[in-house]
Protein backbone atom coordinates (compact mmCIF):
# COMPACT_ATOMS: atom_id res chain seq x y z
CA UNK A 1 40.08 288.59 -145.09
CA UNK A 2 38.45 287.93 -148.64
CA UNK A 3 35.25 286.57 -148.67
CA UNK A 4 33.24 285.05 -151.43
CA UNK A 5 30.01 285.94 -152.48
CA UNK A 6 27.83 283.16 -152.23
CA UNK A 7 24.82 282.64 -154.43
CA UNK A 8 21.54 281.96 -152.55
CA UNK A 9 20.15 279.06 -153.55
CA UNK A 10 16.43 279.00 -154.10
CA UNK A 11 14.33 276.10 -152.51
CA UNK A 12 11.69 274.57 -154.44
CA UNK A 13 8.34 275.79 -153.19
CA UNK A 14 5.36 273.66 -153.01
CA UNK A 15 2.23 274.96 -154.89
CA UNK A 16 0.30 277.09 -152.38
CA UNK A 17 -3.43 275.90 -151.49
CA UNK A 18 -5.87 278.11 -152.83
CA UNK A 19 -8.48 279.42 -150.50
CA UNK A 20 -12.05 277.83 -151.03
CA UNK A 21 -13.72 281.25 -150.59
CA UNK A 22 -14.04 281.45 -154.14
CA UNK A 23 -15.37 277.82 -154.71
CA UNK A 24 -17.88 278.24 -152.34
CA UNK A 25 -18.97 281.60 -153.69
CA UNK A 26 -18.96 279.93 -157.73
CA UNK A 27 -21.07 277.08 -156.02
CA UNK A 28 -23.74 279.89 -154.23
CA UNK A 29 -23.48 281.88 -157.37
CA UNK A 30 -25.02 279.05 -159.45
CA UNK A 31 -27.51 278.34 -156.97
CA UNK A 32 -28.56 281.94 -157.04
CA UNK A 33 -28.70 281.86 -160.93
CA UNK A 34 -31.09 278.95 -160.57
CA UNK A 35 -33.26 280.81 -158.44
CA UNK A 36 -33.27 283.78 -160.66
CA UNK A 37 -34.06 281.79 -163.50
CA UNK A 38 -36.93 279.90 -161.56
CA UNK A 39 -38.37 283.13 -160.40
CA UNK A 40 -38.33 284.54 -163.80
CA UNK A 41 -40.27 281.60 -165.52
CA UNK A 42 -42.57 281.38 -162.56
CA UNK A 43 -43.29 285.41 -163.32
CA UNK A 44 -43.58 284.87 -167.03
CA UNK A 45 -46.15 282.18 -166.59
CA UNK A 46 -48.23 284.47 -164.44
CA UNK A 47 -47.89 286.82 -166.73
CA UNK A 48 -48.99 284.46 -169.52
CA UNK A 49 -45.63 284.68 -171.48
CA UNK A 50 -43.47 282.22 -172.59
CA UNK A 51 -41.33 280.29 -170.03
CA UNK A 52 -38.11 278.64 -170.18
CA UNK A 53 -38.05 274.97 -170.12
CA UNK A 54 -38.22 273.09 -167.06
CA UNK A 55 -34.46 271.65 -167.38
CA UNK A 56 -33.14 275.06 -168.83
CA UNK A 57 -32.72 277.17 -165.71
CA UNK A 58 -30.89 274.26 -163.85
CA UNK A 59 -29.01 273.05 -166.60
CA UNK A 60 -27.56 276.60 -167.31
CA UNK A 61 -27.08 277.24 -163.58
CA UNK A 62 -25.07 273.88 -163.36
CA UNK A 63 -23.04 274.41 -166.69
CA UNK A 64 -21.91 277.57 -165.32
CA UNK A 65 -21.32 276.45 -161.82
CA UNK A 66 -19.23 273.54 -163.24
CA UNK A 67 -17.42 275.75 -165.74
CA UNK A 68 -16.51 278.23 -163.03
CA UNK A 69 -14.94 275.68 -160.48
CA UNK A 70 -13.05 273.97 -163.51
CA UNK A 71 -11.34 277.31 -164.63
CA UNK A 72 -10.61 278.26 -160.91
CA UNK A 73 -8.81 275.18 -160.35
CA UNK A 74 -7.05 275.41 -163.67
CA UNK A 75 -5.76 278.80 -162.54
CA UNK A 76 -4.28 276.59 -159.50
CA UNK A 77 -3.29 273.84 -161.49
CA UNK A 78 -0.03 273.19 -160.11
CA UNK A 79 -1.76 272.89 -156.56
CA UNK A 80 -4.54 270.75 -157.91
CA UNK A 81 -2.01 268.38 -159.99
CA UNK A 82 -0.12 267.95 -156.59
CA UNK A 83 -2.89 266.30 -155.02
CA UNK A 84 -3.42 262.58 -155.74
CA UNK A 85 -5.69 261.27 -158.07
CA UNK A 86 -7.83 260.04 -155.16
CA UNK A 87 -8.07 263.54 -153.52
CA UNK A 88 -8.99 265.10 -156.87
CA UNK A 89 -11.75 262.51 -157.36
CA UNK A 90 -12.98 263.01 -154.15
CA UNK A 91 -13.14 266.94 -154.02
CA UNK A 92 -14.98 266.65 -157.17
CA UNK A 93 -17.72 264.32 -156.05
CA UNK A 94 -18.63 266.49 -153.32
CA UNK A 95 -18.82 269.49 -155.25
CA UNK A 96 -20.67 268.15 -157.89
CA UNK A 97 -23.14 267.07 -155.23
CA UNK A 98 -23.40 270.17 -153.61
CA UNK A 99 -23.81 271.89 -156.98
CA UNK A 100 -27.02 269.71 -157.92
CA UNK A 101 -28.42 269.57 -154.37
CA UNK A 102 -28.41 273.43 -154.12
CA UNK A 103 -30.08 274.21 -157.32
CA UNK A 104 -32.79 271.40 -156.83
CA UNK A 105 -33.34 272.96 -153.32
CA UNK A 106 -33.64 276.46 -154.76
CA UNK A 107 -35.84 275.48 -158.01
CA UNK A 108 -38.15 273.55 -155.11
CA UNK A 109 -38.84 276.90 -153.04
CA UNK A 110 -39.42 279.03 -156.33
CA UNK A 111 -42.28 276.11 -157.56
CA UNK A 112 -44.47 276.64 -154.24
CA UNK A 113 -47.04 278.82 -153.83
CA UNK A 114 -46.29 282.16 -151.96
CA UNK A 115 -47.80 281.14 -148.51
CA UNK A 116 -46.23 277.36 -148.32
CA UNK A 117 -43.99 277.27 -145.60
CA UNK A 118 -40.81 274.99 -145.55
CA UNK A 119 -42.28 272.27 -143.73
CA UNK A 120 -45.27 272.54 -145.89
CA UNK A 121 -43.41 272.29 -149.04
CA UNK A 122 -41.12 269.18 -147.96
CA UNK A 123 -44.07 266.89 -146.67
CA UNK A 124 -47.67 268.00 -148.21
CA UNK A 125 -48.87 269.77 -151.21
CA UNK A 126 -48.78 269.59 -154.94
CA UNK A 127 -45.30 269.96 -157.22
CA UNK A 128 -45.76 271.11 -160.75
CA UNK A 129 -44.94 268.58 -163.55
CA UNK A 130 -42.05 270.57 -164.77
CA UNK A 131 -40.36 270.44 -161.52
CA UNK A 132 -40.93 266.74 -160.71
CA UNK A 133 -39.44 265.68 -163.80
CA UNK A 134 -36.46 268.01 -163.76
CA UNK A 135 -35.78 267.27 -160.31
CA UNK A 136 -36.17 263.72 -160.64
CA UNK A 137 -33.38 263.68 -163.68
CA UNK A 138 -31.21 265.63 -161.81
CA UNK A 139 -31.29 263.59 -158.85
CA UNK A 140 -30.87 260.40 -160.34
CA UNK A 141 -28.01 261.51 -162.94
CA UNK A 142 -26.18 263.77 -160.36
CA UNK A 143 -26.38 261.19 -157.55
CA UNK A 144 -25.46 258.65 -159.87
CA UNK A 145 -22.16 260.54 -161.09
CA UNK A 146 -21.49 261.93 -157.79
CA UNK A 147 -21.46 258.43 -156.41
CA UNK A 148 -19.31 256.68 -158.99
CA UNK A 149 -16.60 259.50 -158.68
CA UNK A 150 -16.95 258.96 -154.95
CA UNK A 151 -16.42 255.36 -154.67
CA UNK A 152 -13.30 255.84 -156.66
CA UNK A 153 -11.75 258.02 -154.23
CA UNK A 154 -12.18 256.70 -150.79
CA UNK A 155 -9.78 254.92 -148.71
CA UNK A 156 -10.73 251.88 -146.53
CA UNK A 157 -11.30 254.20 -143.54
CA UNK A 158 -13.80 256.12 -145.55
CA UNK A 159 -15.14 253.03 -147.14
CA UNK A 160 -15.74 251.32 -144.01
CA UNK A 161 -17.55 254.38 -142.19
CA UNK A 162 -19.90 254.59 -145.50
CA UNK A 163 -20.95 250.79 -145.41
CA UNK A 164 -21.53 251.25 -141.44
CA UNK A 165 -23.69 254.49 -142.08
CA UNK A 166 -25.19 252.86 -145.25
CA UNK A 167 -26.28 250.09 -143.06
CA UNK A 168 -27.46 252.15 -140.20
CA UNK A 169 -29.60 253.85 -142.47
CA UNK A 170 -31.01 250.69 -143.65
CA UNK A 171 -32.26 249.89 -140.31
CA UNK A 172 -33.63 253.35 -139.65
CA UNK A 173 -36.25 252.48 -142.75
CA UNK A 174 -36.86 248.57 -141.97
CA UNK A 175 -38.01 248.86 -138.21
CA UNK A 176 -40.46 251.87 -138.50
CA UNK A 177 -41.68 251.20 -141.84
CA UNK A 178 -43.76 247.94 -140.98
CA UNK A 179 -44.62 249.14 -137.97
CA UNK A 180 -46.48 252.23 -139.07
CA UNK A 181 -48.04 250.33 -142.10
CA UNK A 182 -49.56 247.86 -139.85
CA UNK A 183 -50.75 250.65 -137.36
CA UNK A 184 -52.14 252.73 -140.17
CA UNK A 185 -54.09 249.35 -141.53
CA UNK A 186 -55.37 249.27 -137.92
CA UNK A 187 -56.77 252.69 -138.34
CA UNK A 188 -54.17 253.75 -135.11
CA UNK A 189 -51.84 255.82 -137.20
CA UNK A 190 -52.18 258.19 -140.53
CA UNK A 191 -50.67 256.71 -143.71
CA UNK A 192 -46.96 256.03 -143.92
CA UNK A 193 -45.21 258.97 -145.09
CA UNK A 194 -42.33 257.92 -147.40
CA UNK A 195 -40.20 261.28 -147.42
CA UNK A 196 -40.43 261.28 -143.45
CA UNK A 197 -38.97 257.57 -143.50
CA UNK A 198 -36.47 258.70 -145.92
CA UNK A 199 -35.33 261.73 -143.67
CA UNK A 200 -34.85 259.39 -140.80
CA UNK A 201 -32.97 257.13 -142.69
CA UNK A 202 -30.64 259.98 -143.87
CA UNK A 203 -30.47 261.63 -140.42
CA UNK A 204 -29.10 257.69 -139.11
CA UNK A 205 -26.89 257.69 -142.13
CA UNK A 206 -25.34 260.97 -141.57
CA UNK A 207 -24.75 260.53 -137.87
CA UNK A 208 -23.16 257.14 -138.02
CA UNK A 209 -21.25 258.32 -140.90
CA UNK A 210 -19.67 261.51 -139.34
CA UNK A 211 -19.19 260.00 -136.17
CA UNK A 212 -16.92 256.78 -137.52
CA UNK A 213 -15.08 259.18 -140.07
CA UNK A 214 -13.87 262.08 -137.22
CA UNK A 215 -14.04 259.90 -134.05
């Protein structure tokens, strides 16, 4: 019996999802670079030499980190384009926030004296004017851009989780803040610590958000 050869039909394959090891490495590399540049400026200042501008190191690290992520996802453009526009905005917002937060954190650690611990660094002690100005700009601009992108990307479920989390964070501030203030005025408590109240608010926000999003 004669048989005819059949041509194999190649099924179209979906673009393979890239791993996230390289994006994580790029983010950590940007944070590490920020630390190196901050350490260089600190060593140069101690030696009486010219230092980088306070914003130069974080800006260089952030620029290279964002550029690295851009070229990485450009290499996997087919997969990235296969994502919905909402998902692309979502991951862009989270990645930008992670890079900026990491850079500010590393910069803060290098701005401290050698013997100051992490708790003392977070709640007490002075900060240099250069770090205060640079970190403030990074925080405000980075948070603003990330939140605009984030709110344009989330669906109804995540929006609900985020709104309730924000309300929980607000409650975590308005309940203890006046109590702490009046107790301090009566000499029964130390002065109210704005950063401690901020951390409490963020913890409440995070717990409620994660519970509503992943339950």
